[in-house]
Amino acid sequence: MFFADQSDKWHHSMQRYLGLPGASFLYGVIPGVCREVVGRRDWMYTQPECFNSNKVYVWSEYHAKKLEKSKMQSYYGACPFLWDLAKVATTESYKPEGSLFFIPRDDQVTIRDADYRNVQDAINWASRPIRFLLPWRECDIWKEWKNLKLPEDSEFIQMNDRVNRQFILSRLLLQSEHVYIPWPGTDIYYAEFLGKHVHIYDRLEYYRTKTIEESPQSKTKILRHLKWGWDYLNDTQKKFFEFTNTWSILPEDDRAFLTAKMLGLSQLKSPEDLYNDLLEIGFLREEDKQVVNEEYIAAYEWLQKKTLKLNNIKCSDRCTDIYATI
């Protein structure tokens, strides 16, 4: 029996919610709304090499559908981030003010080529105080960010603490009224779930796939499928991202519909029910005994109330048509 590769921050969220501190798992966890899989065949997460396991936990509906016909054994559940978010929301108190600002970033296979002026404009417009979320990996640092003029009273956060990363992001979202995001990704759904004012200030056209010379490490089989620069996106992907890039002016029901689908809200289960489900299908071992954490039971009950309305939303025909293609 082999344990799957840890899925970074998700692994710790799973441990906490399931009541299995220190446990290793037999399955990997898909990281989120993956731009490289929207509107394409899933070449990456359908491969056992991705997590060194043929078992995977998936929490967005479009991913779940792509995995149905694969050789992977998948379990469709709710987004693990929500569990830690709910724990913070039910044990701490915040008065939202100011802005959480996600600085543009490069990554292992993608680079932002455009200059920084539109980013500077967004910073100048953003409500104060501003909390800047900075990349924590060397390959993610956007080369132009050092040219930005940032308010002196700003706060700068790098989420390089893997164990507590989800708690850090939860607090930042809960204490902010506005959220500035460069391109439509998973974070817009987190912010929408909390009813924040979401501002998407950048454009995907500014991002391209890195050349071989620009990549900081050799291209593994997995990295070859992580490409998402504008030059690599197909027409379906461009259509979807152009639609979600107008997030702040989309009808409220469209935003709620997409949030429910992308965060697996219809699949929310209590810690006990999720533990039993995963144990029954062989995702957990019999020797992994659950230790009940009352704070996560309260978190589940808080989430249950918030998701009830979101799971019964009827979106516009345009939203339905676009979502059906991904």
Protein backbone atom coordinates (compact mmCIF):
# COMPACT_ATOMS: atom_id res chain seq x y z
CA MET A 1 0.00 0.00 0.00
CA PHE A 2 1.45 3.36 -1.09
CA PHE A 3 0.48 6.81 0.11
CA ALA A 4 -0.27 9.46 -2.52
CA ASP A 5 1.91 12.54 -2.90
CA GLN A 6 0.72 15.27 -0.56
CA SER A 7 -1.38 17.91 -2.26
CA ASP A 8 0.26 20.82 -0.50
CA LYS A 9 -2.25 22.94 1.47
CA TRP A 10 -5.21 20.62 0.75
CA HIS A 11 -3.57 17.76 2.64
CA HIS A 12 -3.65 19.73 5.90
CA SER A 13 -7.27 20.84 5.36
CA MET A 14 -8.22 17.19 4.87
CA GLN A 15 -6.42 16.14 8.03
CA ARG A 16 -8.19 18.79 10.08
CA TYR A 17 -11.71 18.29 8.73
CA LEU A 18 -11.62 14.50 8.79
CA GLY A 19 -10.19 14.50 12.29
CA LEU A 20 -7.05 12.62 11.24
CA PRO A 21 -4.11 14.72 12.51
CA GLY A 22 -0.82 13.61 11.02
CA ALA A 23 -2.40 11.10 8.64
CA SER A 24 -1.16 10.30 5.15
CA PHE A 25 -3.73 9.54 2.48
CA LEU A 26 -4.13 7.07 -0.35
CA TYR A 27 -5.47 9.77 -2.69
CA GLY A 28 -4.42 13.09 -4.16
CA VAL A 29 -6.51 16.26 -4.19
CA ILE A 30 -7.06 18.27 -7.37
CA PRO A 31 -5.93 21.84 -6.65
CA GLY A 32 -8.88 23.87 -7.93
CA VAL A 33 -10.35 25.52 -11.00
CA CYS A 34 -7.53 24.55 -13.36
CA ARG A 35 -7.24 26.82 -16.39
CA GLU A 36 -5.39 24.12 -18.33
CA VAL A 37 -8.32 21.68 -17.96
CA VAL A 38 -11.25 24.04 -18.59
CA GLY A 39 -12.50 23.32 -22.11
CA ARG A 40 -9.96 20.56 -22.80
CA ARG A 41 -9.59 16.86 -22.25
CA ASP A 42 -8.02 16.32 -18.85
CA TRP A 43 -4.60 14.89 -19.72
CA MET A 44 -3.09 15.56 -16.32
CA TYR A 45 -5.37 14.66 -13.42
CA THR A 46 -6.57 11.49 -15.16
CA GLN A 47 -3.03 10.07 -14.89
CA PRO A 48 -1.87 8.13 -11.79
CA GLU A 49 1.56 9.78 -12.19
CA CYS A 50 0.08 13.10 -11.10
CA PHE A 51 -0.22 12.07 -7.44
CA ASN A 52 1.42 8.62 -7.65
CA SER A 53 -2.03 7.18 -6.97
CA ASN A 54 -5.05 6.05 -8.97
CA LYS A 55 -7.31 7.73 -6.41
CA VAL A 56 -8.19 11.42 -6.45
CA TYR A 57 -10.50 13.78 -4.56
CA VAL A 58 -12.11 16.32 -6.87
CA TRP A 59 -14.19 19.34 -5.87
CA SER A 60 -15.38 21.13 -8.98
CA GLU A 61 -18.19 19.71 -11.09
CA TYR A 62 -16.45 20.07 -14.44
CA HIS A 63 -13.41 18.16 -13.13
CA ALA A 64 -15.68 15.47 -11.71
CA LYS A 65 -17.34 14.91 -15.08
CA LYS A 66 -13.99 14.65 -16.88
CA LEU A 67 -12.82 12.01 -14.42
CA GLU A 68 -15.93 9.82 -14.74
CA LYS A 69 -14.58 7.98 -17.78
CA SER A 70 -10.92 7.91 -16.75
CA LYS A 71 -8.89 5.12 -15.19
CA MET A 72 -8.76 7.07 -11.94
CA GLN A 73 -11.01 6.28 -9.00
CA SER A 74 -12.43 9.66 -8.09
CA TYR A 75 -14.52 11.05 -5.26
CA TYR A 76 -16.50 14.24 -5.83
CA GLY A 77 -16.66 16.34 -2.67
CA ALA A 78 -16.77 19.95 -1.50
CA CYS A 79 -13.83 22.35 -1.71
CA PRO A 80 -11.48 21.71 1.25
CA PHE A 81 -10.69 25.42 1.62
CA LEU A 82 -14.28 26.04 2.73
CA TRP A 83 -13.82 23.91 5.84
CA ASP A 84 -10.95 26.04 7.14
CA LEU A 85 -12.69 29.24 6.03
CA ALA A 86 -15.78 28.23 8.01
CA LYS A 87 -13.71 27.36 11.07
CA VAL A 88 -12.19 30.85 11.06
CA ALA A 89 -15.56 32.48 10.39
CA THR A 90 -17.18 30.69 13.34
CA THR A 91 -14.36 31.20 15.84
CA GLU A 92 -13.10 34.70 15.00
CA SER A 93 -14.74 38.04 14.26
CA TYR A 94 -13.83 40.60 11.59
CA LYS A 95 -15.22 43.92 10.40
CA PRO A 96 -14.50 43.95 6.65
CA GLU A 97 -12.64 46.99 5.36
CA GLY A 98 -10.19 47.86 2.62
CA SER A 99 -8.87 45.56 -0.09
CA LEU A 100 -7.10 42.26 -0.57
CA PHE A 101 -4.93 42.65 -3.68
CA PHE A 102 -3.49 39.65 -5.50
CA ILE A 103 -0.30 40.80 -7.25
CA PRO A 104 0.13 39.33 -10.77
CA ARG A 105 2.48 36.40 -10.89
CA ASP A 106 4.32 34.18 -13.29
CA ASP A 107 4.54 30.46 -12.63
CA GLN A 108 6.50 27.42 -13.70
CA VAL A 109 5.23 27.51 -17.28
CA THR A 110 3.61 30.94 -17.78
CA ILE A 111 4.96 34.50 -17.80
CA ARG A 112 3.32 37.95 -17.85
CA ASP A 113 4.83 40.13 -20.58
CA ALA A 114 2.86 43.38 -20.36
CA ASP A 115 4.07 46.41 -18.40
CA TYR A 116 2.80 47.34 -14.96
CA ARG A 117 0.74 50.48 -15.60
CA ASN A 118 -2.72 48.90 -15.50
CA VAL A 119 -1.74 47.15 -12.25
CA GLN A 120 -0.61 50.47 -10.80
CA ASP A 121 -3.93 52.02 -11.81
CA ALA A 122 -5.84 49.28 -9.99
CA ILE A 123 -3.74 49.82 -6.86
CA ASN A 124 -4.40 53.56 -7.01
CA TRP A 125 -8.15 52.93 -7.18
CA ALA A 126 -8.29 50.23 -4.52
CA SER A 127 -9.95 50.97 -1.19
CA ARG A 128 -7.56 51.38 1.74
CA PRO A 129 -6.07 49.74 3.71
CA ILE A 130 -4.58 47.36 1.14
CA ARG A 131 -3.23 43.91 1.93
CA PHE A 132 -1.01 42.61 -0.86
CA LEU A 133 -0.79 38.88 -1.44
CA LEU A 134 2.63 38.07 -2.90
CA PRO A 135 3.85 34.86 -4.56
CA TRP A 136 5.94 32.67 -2.29
CA ARG A 137 7.73 30.53 -4.88
CA GLU A 138 10.71 32.00 -6.70
CA CYS A 139 9.36 31.01 -10.14
CA ASP A 140 6.06 32.81 -9.45
CA ILE A 141 7.53 36.26 -8.88
CA TRP A 142 6.46 38.71 -11.60
CA LYS A 143 9.52 40.59 -12.83
CA GLU A 144 7.74 43.98 -13.05
CA TRP A 145 6.28 44.03 -9.54
CA LYS A 146 9.32 45.89 -8.14
CA ASN A 147 8.33 48.91 -10.29
CA LEU A 148 4.99 49.36 -8.56
CA LYS A 149 4.46 52.26 -6.16
CA LEU A 150 2.70 50.79 -3.14
CA PRO A 151 1.10 52.69 -0.25
CA GLU A 152 3.45 52.94 2.73
CA ASP A 153 0.88 51.60 5.19
CA SER A 154 0.25 48.46 3.11
CA GLU A 155 0.55 44.95 4.49
CA PHE A 156 2.45 42.29 2.52
CA ILE A 157 1.70 38.60 2.92
CA GLN A 158 3.40 35.52 1.48
CA MET A 159 1.59 32.28 2.20
CA ASN A 160 4.69 30.12 2.50
CA ASP A 161 3.42 28.30 5.59
CA ARG A 162 1.90 25.18 4.03
CA VAL A 163 0.16 24.00 7.20
CA ASN A 164 -1.62 27.29 7.92
CA ARG A 165 -1.92 28.73 4.41
CA GLN A 166 -5.66 28.18 4.24
CA PHE A 167 -6.20 29.94 7.56
CA ILE A 168 -4.12 32.92 6.41
CA LEU A 169 -6.15 33.30 3.20
CA SER A 170 -9.41 32.85 5.13
CA ARG A 171 -8.58 35.70 7.48
CA LEU A 172 -7.49 37.96 4.63
CA LEU A 173 -10.76 37.39 2.78
CA LEU A 174 -12.92 37.81 5.87
CA GLN A 175 -11.28 41.09 6.90
CA SER A 176 -11.46 42.64 3.39
CA GLU A 177 -14.41 44.33 1.70
CA HIS A 178 -12.91 44.33 -1.81
CA VAL A 179 -10.85 41.65 -3.56
CA TYR A 180 -8.63 42.52 -6.54
CA ILE A 181 -7.66 39.53 -8.69
CA PRO A 182 -5.59 39.63 -11.91
CA TRP A 183 -7.43 36.88 -13.82
CA PRO A 184 -10.48 34.69 -13.20
CA GLY A 185 -9.41 31.70 -11.13
CA THR A 186 -10.45 29.85 -8.00
CA ASP A 187 -10.14 32.92 -5.76
CA ILE A 188 -13.07 34.71 -7.43
CA TYR A 189 -15.33 31.89 -6.25
CA TYR A 190 -14.00 32.10 -2.69
CA ALA A 191 -14.63 35.86 -2.70
CA GLU A 192 -18.09 35.50 -4.25
CA PHE A 193 -19.04 32.85 -1.69
CA LEU A 194 -18.36 35.45 1.01
CA GLY A 195 -20.19 38.23 -0.83
CA LYS A 196 -17.08 40.35 -1.45
CA HIS A 197 -16.78 43.01 -4.13
CA VAL A 198 -14.63 41.29 -6.77
CA HIS A 199 -12.51 43.31 -9.20
CA ILE A 200 -10.66 41.50 -12.01
CA TYR A 201 -8.14 44.07 -13.13
CA ASP A 202 -5.76 42.28 -15.53
CA ARG A 203 -6.15 40.41 -18.83
CA LEU A 204 -5.14 36.89 -19.79
CA GLU A 205 -3.82 38.28 -23.08
CA TYR A 206 -0.86 39.57 -21.06
CA TYR A 207 0.22 36.03 -20.15
CA ARG A 208 2.06 33.62 -22.45
CA THR A 209 3.68 30.21 -22.18
CA LYS A 210 7.34 30.29 -21.18
CA THR A 211 9.95 29.15 -23.64
CA ILE A 212 12.22 26.24 -22.77
CA GLU A 213 15.00 28.70 -21.92
CA GLU A 214 12.75 30.65 -19.53
CA SER A 215 11.57 27.62 -17.57
CA PRO A 216 13.48 27.25 -14.30
CA GLN A 217 13.35 23.47 -14.31
CA SER A 218 13.06 20.61 -16.76
CA LYS A 219 9.61 19.95 -18.15
CA THR A 220 8.14 16.86 -16.52
CA LYS A 221 5.16 15.08 -18.04
CA ILE A 222 2.89 16.90 -15.58
CA LEU A 223 4.37 20.35 -16.23
CA ARG A 224 3.90 19.96 -19.98
CA HIS A 225 0.13 20.01 -19.38
CA LEU A 226 0.11 23.02 -17.04
CA LYS A 227 0.29 25.52 -19.90
CA TRP A 228 -2.38 28.22 -19.82
CA GLY A 229 -0.92 31.31 -21.51
CA TRP A 230 -3.19 33.16 -23.95
CA ASP A 231 -1.17 31.76 -26.84
CA TYR A 232 -2.07 28.22 -25.74
CA LEU A 233 -5.79 28.59 -24.88
CA ASN A 234 -8.34 27.20 -27.32
CA ASP A 235 -11.54 29.00 -28.38
CA THR A 236 -13.65 27.33 -25.68
CA GLN A 237 -11.24 28.40 -22.95
CA LYS A 238 -11.04 31.95 -24.27
CA LYS A 239 -14.82 32.21 -24.39
CA PHE A 240 -15.18 30.99 -20.80
CA PHE A 241 -12.45 33.24 -19.41
CA GLU A 242 -13.68 36.27 -21.31
CA PHE A 243 -17.11 35.63 -19.78
CA THR A 244 -15.80 35.26 -16.21
CA ASN A 245 -13.38 38.17 -16.66
CA THR A 246 -16.47 40.41 -16.56
CA TRP A 247 -17.34 38.97 -13.13
CA SER A 248 -18.37 42.22 -11.44
CA ILE A 249 -21.06 42.93 -14.05
CA LEU A 250 -22.42 39.40 -14.44
CA PRO A 251 -25.95 38.79 -13.11
CA GLU A 252 -25.91 37.76 -9.45
CA ASP A 253 -27.52 34.39 -10.26
CA ASP A 254 -24.80 33.62 -12.83
CA ARG A 255 -22.11 34.31 -10.24
CA ALA A 256 -23.87 32.18 -7.65
CA PHE A 257 -24.38 29.32 -10.13
CA LEU A 258 -20.72 29.22 -11.13
CA THR A 259 -19.58 29.50 -7.52
CA ALA A 260 -21.68 26.49 -6.52
CA LYS A 261 -20.36 24.42 -9.44
CA MET A 262 -16.71 25.38 -9.00
CA LEU A 263 -16.64 24.81 -5.23
CA GLY A 264 -18.66 21.57 -5.17
CA LEU A 265 -21.22 23.09 -2.81
CA SER A 266 -23.83 20.42 -3.59
CA GLN A 267 -21.40 17.79 -2.30
CA LEU A 268 -20.93 19.25 1.18
CA LYS A 269 -20.91 16.56 3.89
CA SER A 270 -20.26 16.57 7.62
CA PRO A 271 -16.84 15.40 8.84
CA GLU A 272 -18.33 12.10 9.97
CA ASP A 273 -20.23 11.44 6.73
CA LEU A 274 -17.22 12.34 4.58
CA TYR A 275 -14.95 10.13 6.68
CA ASN A 276 -17.35 7.19 6.34
CA ASP A 277 -17.70 7.72 2.57
CA LEU A 278 -13.95 7.78 2.01
CA LEU A 279 -13.41 4.77 4.28
CA GLU A 280 -16.08 2.75 2.45
CA ILE A 281 -14.53 3.28 -1.00
CA GLY A 282 -10.99 2.54 0.14
CA PHE A 283 -9.66 6.11 0.21
CA LEU A 284 -8.85 5.77 3.91
CA ARG A 285 -7.40 2.91 5.94
CA GLU A 286 -9.25 1.12 8.74
CA GLU A 287 -6.47 2.08 11.14
CA ASP A 288 -7.11 5.80 10.48
CA LYS A 289 -9.48 6.47 13.39
CA GLN A 290 -11.40 9.72 13.36
CA VAL A 291 -10.95 12.17 16.23
CA VAL A 292 -14.03 14.41 16.36
CA ASN A 293 -13.30 18.15 16.33
CA GLU A 294 -16.30 20.18 17.49
CA GLU A 295 -15.02 23.32 15.74
CA TYR A 296 -15.31 21.61 12.36
CA ILE A 297 -18.78 20.34 13.17
CA ALA A 298 -19.77 23.97 13.80
CA ALA A 299 -17.98 24.92 10.58
CA TYR A 300 -20.02 22.34 8.65
CA GLU A 301 -23.28 23.67 10.09
CA TRP A 302 -22.28 27.24 9.09
CA LEU A 303 -21.48 26.09 5.56
CA GLN A 304 -24.70 24.11 5.34
CA LYS A 305 -26.76 27.25 5.95
CA LYS A 306 -24.75 29.32 3.44
CA THR A 307 -24.88 26.72 0.66
CA LEU A 308 -28.57 25.90 0.86
CA LYS A 309 -29.61 28.86 -1.28
CA LEU A 310 -26.66 28.65 -3.68
CA ASN A 311 -27.42 25.07 -4.68
CA ASN A 312 -30.82 26.01 -6.15
CA ILE A 313 -29.86 28.89 -8.43
CA LYS A 314 -31.08 29.12 -12.02
CA CYS A 315 -28.60 31.06 -14.11
CA SER A 316 -29.03 32.81 -17.46
CA ASP A 317 -29.17 30.83 -20.72
CA ARG A 318 -25.85 32.36 -21.77
CA CYS A 319 -24.15 31.18 -18.57
CA THR A 320 -25.66 27.70 -18.98
CA ASP A 321 -24.43 27.44 -22.56
CA ILE A 322 -20.90 28.59 -21.75
CA TYR A 323 -20.60 26.35 -18.70
CA ALA A 324 -21.80 23.32 -20.68
CA THR A 325 -18.81 23.60 -23.03
CA ILE A 326 -16.08 23.31 -20.39
